[in-house]
Protein backbone atom coordinates (compact mmCIF):
# COMPACT_ATOMS: atom_id res chain seq x y z
CA MET A 1 -0.43 15.58 15.14
CA ALA A 2 -3.45 13.37 15.53
CA PHE A 3 -3.69 12.92 11.77
CA ALA A 4 0.04 12.34 11.20
CA PRO A 5 -0.37 8.61 10.37
CA LEU A 6 -2.28 9.62 7.27
CA LEU A 7 1.06 10.83 5.92
CA LEU A 8 1.59 7.24 4.78
CA VAL A 9 -1.47 7.49 2.52
CA LEU A 10 -0.28 10.87 1.21
CA ILE A 11 3.20 9.53 0.46
CA ASP A 12 1.69 6.52 -1.29
CA GLY A 13 -0.39 8.92 -3.39
CA LEU A 14 2.73 10.86 -4.32
CA PHE A 15 4.47 7.63 -5.38
CA ALA A 16 1.46 6.79 -7.55
CA ALA A 17 1.24 10.31 -9.04
CA THR A 18 4.86 10.17 -10.16
CA GLY A 19 4.30 6.76 -11.74
CA ALA A 20 6.72 5.12 -9.32
CA GLY A 21 4.09 2.72 -8.02
CA PHE A 22 3.82 1.67 -4.42
CA SER A 23 6.99 0.89 -2.59
CA ALA A 24 6.04 -0.08 0.93
CA VAL A 25 9.43 0.27 2.61
CA PRO A 26 10.40 3.80 1.46
CA ALA A 27 6.85 5.12 1.93
CA PHE A 28 6.59 3.58 5.39
CA LEU A 29 10.02 4.87 6.48
CA ALA A 30 9.28 8.35 5.17
CA ALA A 31 5.95 8.46 7.02
CA ILE A 32 7.52 7.16 10.24
CA GLY A 33 10.29 9.76 9.95
CA LEU A 34 7.84 12.61 9.41
CA ASN A 35 5.63 11.37 12.25
CA ALA A 36 8.61 11.12 14.61
CA GLY A 37 9.75 14.59 13.58
CA LEU A 38 6.33 16.05 14.42
CA SER A 39 6.37 14.25 17.77
CA LEU A 40 9.84 15.53 18.62
CA ALA A 41 8.78 19.09 17.74
CA ASP A 42 5.79 18.65 20.05
CA HIS A 43 8.11 17.25 22.73
CA ARG A 44 10.16 20.48 22.62
CA ARG A 45 7.00 22.58 23.03
CA VAL A 46 5.80 20.45 25.97
CA ARG A 47 9.24 20.69 27.63
CA ALA A 48 9.25 24.49 27.13
CA ALA A 49 5.88 24.54 28.91
CA GLY A 50 7.50 22.89 31.96
CA GLN A 51 6.60 19.22 31.48
CA GLU A 52 9.31 16.61 31.11
CA LEU A 53 8.58 13.56 28.97
CA PRO A 54 11.06 11.03 27.54
CA ALA A 55 12.22 12.16 24.09
CA ALA A 56 12.71 8.53 23.04
CA LEU A 57 8.98 7.95 23.41
CA ALA A 58 8.25 10.91 21.16
CA ALA A 59 10.54 9.53 18.47
CA LEU A 60 9.96 5.79 18.75
CA LEU A 61 6.65 5.07 20.46
CA VAL A 62 4.40 7.89 19.37
CA PRO A 63 1.08 6.53 20.71
CA VAL A 64 2.62 5.87 24.14
CA TYR A 65 4.09 9.37 24.11
CA LEU A 66 0.72 10.88 23.18
CA PHE A 67 -1.17 9.06 25.96
CA LEU A 68 1.50 10.02 28.53
CA ARG A 69 1.47 13.61 27.24
CA GLN A 70 -2.29 13.88 27.65
CA ALA A 71 -2.12 12.45 31.18
CA ARG A 72 0.66 14.81 32.28
CA LEU A 73 -1.04 17.85 30.77
CA ARG A 74 -4.40 16.74 32.19
CA GLN A 75 -6.08 16.92 28.80
CA ASN A 76 -8.62 14.59 27.27
CA TYR A 77 -7.40 11.65 25.24
CA ALA A 78 -8.81 12.75 21.88
CA ILE A 79 -5.41 13.25 20.21
CA PRO A 80 -3.94 9.82 21.00
CA ILE A 81 -7.24 8.09 20.21
CA VAL A 82 -7.51 9.88 16.86
CA TRP A 83 -3.84 9.04 16.19
CA CYS A 84 -4.54 5.32 16.75
CA VAL A 85 -7.64 5.39 14.54
CA THR A 86 -5.85 7.24 11.73
CA PHE A 87 -2.91 4.84 12.03
CA LEU A 88 -5.22 1.88 11.44
CA ALA A 89 -6.91 3.73 8.57
CA SER A 90 -3.53 4.49 7.00
CA LEU A 91 -2.61 0.82 6.93
CA GLY A 92 -5.58 0.05 4.74
CA GLY A 93 -5.44 3.25 2.72
CA SER A 94 -1.81 2.97 1.76
CA GLY A 95 -1.82 -0.58 0.49
CA ILE A 96 0.28 -2.07 3.27
CA ILE A 97 -2.39 -4.63 4.12
CA GLU A 98 -2.86 -5.55 0.47
CA ASN A 99 0.89 -5.88 -0.03
CA THR A 100 1.25 -8.02 3.08
CA ILE A 101 -1.57 -10.51 2.60
CA GLY A 102 -2.13 -9.98 -1.12
CA ILE A 103 -5.14 -8.94 -3.14
CA ALA A 104 -7.68 -11.11 -4.90
CA ILE A 105 -7.48 -10.71 -8.67
CA ASP A 106 -10.54 -10.93 -10.93
CA THR A 107 -9.07 -13.37 -13.43
CA GLY A 108 -12.07 -12.94 -15.75
CA VAL A 109 -10.95 -9.35 -16.37
CA VAL A 110 -7.39 -10.54 -16.94
CA GLU A 111 -8.55 -13.17 -19.43
CA ARG A 112 -10.63 -10.66 -21.42
CA GLN A 113 -7.79 -8.12 -21.56
CA ILE A 114 -5.28 -10.71 -22.77
CA GLU A 115 -7.75 -12.01 -25.38
CA GLN A 116 -8.36 -8.48 -26.62
CA GLY A 117 -4.64 -7.64 -26.60
CA VAL A 118 -3.69 -10.72 -28.62
CA GLN A 119 -6.54 -10.01 -31.06
CA ASN A 120 -5.31 -6.43 -31.53
CA LYS A 121 -1.62 -7.42 -31.92
CA LEU A 122 -1.87 -10.61 -33.96
CA GLY A 123 -5.33 -10.42 -35.50
CA THR A 124 -6.10 -13.87 -34.11
CA ALA A 125 -8.94 -14.71 -31.75
CA VAL A 126 -7.70 -16.77 -28.80
CA THR A 127 -9.10 -18.13 -25.59
CA VAL A 128 -7.33 -17.49 -22.31
CA GLN A 129 -7.58 -19.60 -19.19
CA CYS A 130 -6.25 -18.18 -15.91
CA PRO A 131 -6.41 -19.86 -12.51
CA PRO A 132 -9.91 -19.38 -11.05
CA SER A 133 -8.68 -17.91 -7.76
CA VAL A 134 -5.55 -15.77 -7.55
CA THR A 135 -4.32 -13.79 -4.55
CA VAL A 136 -1.00 -12.02 -5.12
CA ARG A 137 1.05 -9.12 -3.80
CA THR A 138 2.42 -6.20 -5.77
CA GLY A 139 5.24 -7.34 -8.03
CA GLU A 140 4.22 -10.99 -8.00
CA SER A 141 3.16 -12.86 -11.13
CA PHE A 142 0.90 -15.70 -12.19
CA GLN A 143 0.42 -17.48 -15.50
CA CYS A 144 -2.47 -17.93 -17.88
CA VAL A 145 -2.71 -20.31 -20.85
CA VAL A 146 -3.42 -18.72 -24.22
CA GLN A 147 -4.96 -21.14 -26.73
CA ALA A 148 -5.11 -20.39 -30.49
CA PRO A 149 -7.80 -21.86 -32.80
CA ASP A 150 -5.18 -24.11 -34.45
CA GLY A 151 -4.49 -25.80 -31.10
CA SER A 152 -1.17 -24.10 -30.41
CA SER A 153 -0.76 -22.52 -27.01
CA ALA A 154 1.44 -20.07 -25.17
CA ILE A 155 1.81 -18.80 -21.64
CA ALA A 156 0.95 -15.25 -20.63
CA LYS A 157 2.85 -14.00 -17.59
CA VAL A 158 0.69 -11.57 -15.61
CA THR A 159 2.48 -9.24 -13.16
CA ILE A 160 0.60 -7.19 -10.55
CA GLN A 161 1.70 -3.53 -10.56
CA ASN A 162 0.11 -2.08 -7.41
CA SER A 163 -2.30 -2.67 -4.55
CA GLN A 164 -5.25 -1.69 -6.75
CA GLY A 165 -4.69 -4.81 -8.86
CA ASP A 166 -3.43 -3.12 -12.02
CA PHE A 167 -1.39 -5.54 -14.10
CA VAL A 168 0.73 -6.00 -17.18
CA TRP A 169 1.02 -9.19 -19.18
CA GLN A 170 3.60 -10.61 -21.53
CA LEU A 171 3.09 -13.43 -23.98
CA GLY A 172 5.75 -16.15 -23.90
CA GLN A 173 6.21 -19.50 -25.63
């Protein structure tokens, strides 16, 4: 049970493996549901052993339940401490932090990939200018200016696909 918060990272990995990308809400709800289910199963075992603890704590406030459980059973606090540490680790490992505050994008990489893509598609060398500093969340977009040698220009819309910063771009007018 101590490592249950890492389910969020596992679920995120499953989303990525299926090509679905990260979807914070379903992954988070699934992890919370599995974590609550494990806690409720533990609650039944503790009650069968003769200790009464509030079932609502097991389902809704897992860390409080774990600390109370350890106190009532007179055990050390390793399980609730490990749960709290793995919970914090899961926030970073699953992309929740990146999708909340955004991730910094290396626009130099974006510029080079657009330049190369236009060269491959149209056979024309172009220069691309993206904003120097971009911080975006998954699903958000930003624009870069694509300049042709003849002076014509177009806008490339760059959309972030996941918390690792993968992106797709589309050339517009």
